[in-house]
Protein backbone atom coordinates (compact mmCIF):
# COMPACT_ATOMS: atom_id res chain seq x y z
CA MET A 1 151.94 123.81 99.76
CA VAL A 2 151.85 121.14 102.45
CA THR A 3 151.99 122.51 105.96
CA THR A 4 153.23 120.77 109.05
CA GLU A 5 149.71 120.90 110.41
CA SER A 6 148.23 119.22 107.36
CA VAL A 7 150.87 116.46 107.46
CA ALA A 8 150.14 115.94 111.17
CA MET A 9 146.40 115.79 110.49
CA GLN A 10 146.92 113.38 107.61
CA THR A 11 149.09 111.14 109.79
CA ALA A 12 146.49 111.21 112.58
CA ARG A 13 143.78 110.11 110.12
CA LEU A 14 146.01 107.34 108.81
CA ARG A 15 146.81 106.20 112.35
CA TRP A 16 143.08 105.77 112.96
CA ARG A 17 142.75 103.81 109.69
CA CYS A 18 145.65 101.55 110.77
CA ARG A 19 143.44 100.27 113.59
CA ARG A 20 142.15 97.05 112.13
CA GLY A 21 140.20 94.02 113.26
CA MET A 22 143.43 92.05 113.63
CA ARG A 23 146.08 93.05 116.14
CA GLU A 24 148.86 91.80 113.88
CA LEU A 25 147.79 94.27 111.19
CA ASP A 26 147.51 97.10 113.72
CA VAL A 27 151.08 96.57 114.88
CA LEU A 28 152.65 96.22 111.45
CA LEU A 29 150.80 99.11 109.82
CA THR A 30 151.32 101.47 112.74
CA ARG A 31 155.02 100.59 112.90
CA TYR A 32 155.38 101.50 109.21
CA LEU A 33 153.40 104.72 109.77
CA ASP A 34 155.63 105.75 112.69
CA ARG A 35 159.02 104.75 111.31
CA THR A 36 158.95 104.90 107.53
CA TYR A 37 155.95 106.92 106.38
CA PRO A 38 157.31 110.36 107.39
CA GLY A 39 160.26 110.00 104.98
CA THR A 40 158.32 108.66 102.02
CA SER A 41 157.37 110.40 98.80
CA PRO A 42 153.86 111.76 98.22
CA ALA A 43 153.31 108.91 95.73
CA GLU A 44 154.17 106.24 98.31
CA ARG A 45 151.98 107.99 100.87
CA ALA A 46 149.06 107.78 98.45
CA VAL A 47 149.69 104.06 97.87
CA PHE A 48 149.78 103.44 101.62
CA ALA A 49 146.42 105.17 101.97
CA GLN A 50 145.07 102.94 99.16
CA LEU A 51 146.27 99.84 101.00
CA LEU A 52 144.29 100.88 104.05
CA ASP A 53 141.14 100.67 101.92
CA LEU A 54 141.65 96.92 101.49
CA PRO A 55 139.71 94.50 103.69
CA ASP A 56 141.57 92.92 106.60
CA PRO A 57 141.71 89.38 105.14
CA GLU A 58 143.31 90.68 101.94
CA LEU A 59 145.86 92.81 103.82
CA PHE A 60 146.64 89.90 106.11
CA ALA A 61 147.24 87.65 103.10
CA TYR A 62 149.65 90.17 101.59
CA LEU A 63 151.54 90.93 104.78
CA PHE A 64 151.62 87.55 106.53
CA ALA A 65 150.65 84.77 104.14
CA GLY A 66 152.85 85.66 101.18
CA ALA A 67 150.06 86.59 98.77
CA ILE A 68 151.25 88.90 96.00
CA PRO A 69 149.24 91.99 95.01
CA GLU A 70 148.51 92.42 91.30
CA GLU A 71 149.58 96.08 91.17
CA ALA A 72 153.34 96.71 91.15
CA VAL A 73 153.05 99.75 93.43
CA HIS A 74 151.23 97.64 96.01
CA ARG A 75 153.90 94.93 95.77
CA GLU A 76 156.62 97.49 96.50
CA ILE A 77 155.00 98.98 99.58
CA ILE A 78 153.96 95.57 100.91
CA ALA A 79 157.61 94.52 100.66
CA ARG A 80 158.69 97.66 102.54
CA ILE A 81 156.12 97.07 105.29
CA ARG A 82 157.20 93.43 105.63
CA ARG A 83 160.86 94.49 105.98
CA GLU A 84 160.07 96.91 108.82
CA PRO A 85 162.07 95.66 111.83
CA ALA A 86 160.19 94.67 114.98
C-alpha cells in the first residue's frame, strides 16, 4: 500500500534528482514533476525515475535537440515532458 507520506517522500527525492547541471533541464523536469507526475501511473513514474539516471547531455539531446530514445517507454515520456506547457 502506498501512503501519502511515501508518495511525498518519493516526490521530494525526485525533485532533488531533477536538479541538473543545466538550468533548462531543471525547469523542464521540475515542471513535469509538479504538473503531470502526480497523476501518472506507477509504470510512468518508474520510467521518469529511469530518465533521471541519464547524463545531462543525453537528456538535453532528447528534450531539446530532437534526439530519439531507443526504448519506446522513454520516447513516450520524453514526448509528454516536451508537451508540458511553459
